[in-house]
Protein backbone atom coordinates (compact mmCIF):
# COMPACT_ATOMS: atom_id res chain seq x y z
CA MET A 1 -6.50 4.57 25.36
CA GLN A 2 -6.98 0.85 26.26
CA THR A 3 -3.75 -1.13 25.81
CA ASP A 4 -4.79 -4.60 27.36
CA THR A 5 -7.35 -5.36 24.73
CA THR A 6 -6.79 -7.01 21.42
CA ILE A 7 -8.19 -6.42 17.89
CA LEU A 8 -9.35 -9.08 15.72
CA ILE A 9 -7.65 -9.03 12.32
CA ARG A 10 -9.18 -11.12 9.43
CA SER A 11 -6.83 -12.27 6.59
CA SER A 12 -7.43 -14.44 3.81
CA LEU A 13 -5.68 -17.15 5.61
CA GLU A 14 -6.56 -17.08 9.36
CA LYS A 15 -7.99 -14.84 11.99
CA GLN A 16 -5.18 -13.35 14.49
CA ARG A 17 -5.31 -11.03 17.64
CA VAL A 18 -3.06 -8.20 17.75
CA PRO A 19 -2.54 -6.22 20.84
CA ARG A 20 -3.82 -2.41 20.53
CA LYS A 21 -0.60 -1.69 22.09
CA ALA A 22 1.34 -3.11 19.25
CA ILE A 23 -0.71 -1.41 16.83
CA ARG A 24 -0.09 2.06 18.32
CA GLN A 25 3.50 1.50 18.47
CA ARG A 26 3.55 0.70 14.84
CA ILE A 27 1.43 3.60 13.78
CA LEU A 28 3.95 5.98 15.93
CA PHE A 29 7.00 4.25 14.26
CA ILE A 30 5.44 4.92 10.86
CA GLU A 31 4.47 8.54 11.56
CA ASN A 32 7.99 8.93 12.70
CA LYS A 33 9.40 7.52 9.54
CA ILE A 34 7.27 9.88 7.51
CA LYS A 35 8.56 12.75 9.41
CA GLN A 36 12.27 11.64 8.60
CA LEU A 37 11.46 11.20 5.02
CA ASN A 38 10.21 14.70 5.02
CA ASN A 39 13.65 15.85 6.35
CA ASN A 40 15.52 13.24 3.91
CA GLU A 41 16.94 11.40 7.14
CA ILE A 42 15.89 7.87 6.21
CA THR A 43 18.59 5.35 5.35
CA ILE A 44 18.76 1.95 3.67
CA LYS A 45 19.24 0.49 7.21
CA ASP A 46 15.77 1.95 8.17
CA TYR A 47 14.04 0.23 5.69
CA ILE A 48 15.37 -2.88 6.41
CA LEU A 49 14.34 -2.44 10.26
CA ASN A 50 11.07 -1.38 8.85
CA GLY A 51 10.51 -4.62 7.11
CA VAL A 52 11.78 -6.53 10.32
CA MET A 53 9.28 -4.99 12.47
CA ASN A 54 6.46 -5.45 10.11
CA VAL A 55 7.28 -9.36 10.16
CA LEU A 56 7.73 -9.29 13.93
CA ILE A 57 4.41 -7.26 14.93
CA PHE A 58 2.03 -8.95 12.37
CA GLN A 59 2.78 -12.59 12.36
């Protein structure tokens, strides 16, 4: 997998480039949270951290 390239993401406001590595890390994070949800291990803290990660990665 290429980790040094970027993907162009189009939004209604602007175009931005997001590194593939950041996107892959986000996908893995979400998959892990889904597994935890299936095991009833997600807490309110996880939801807050999830929101913070969304803001940091996709700004």
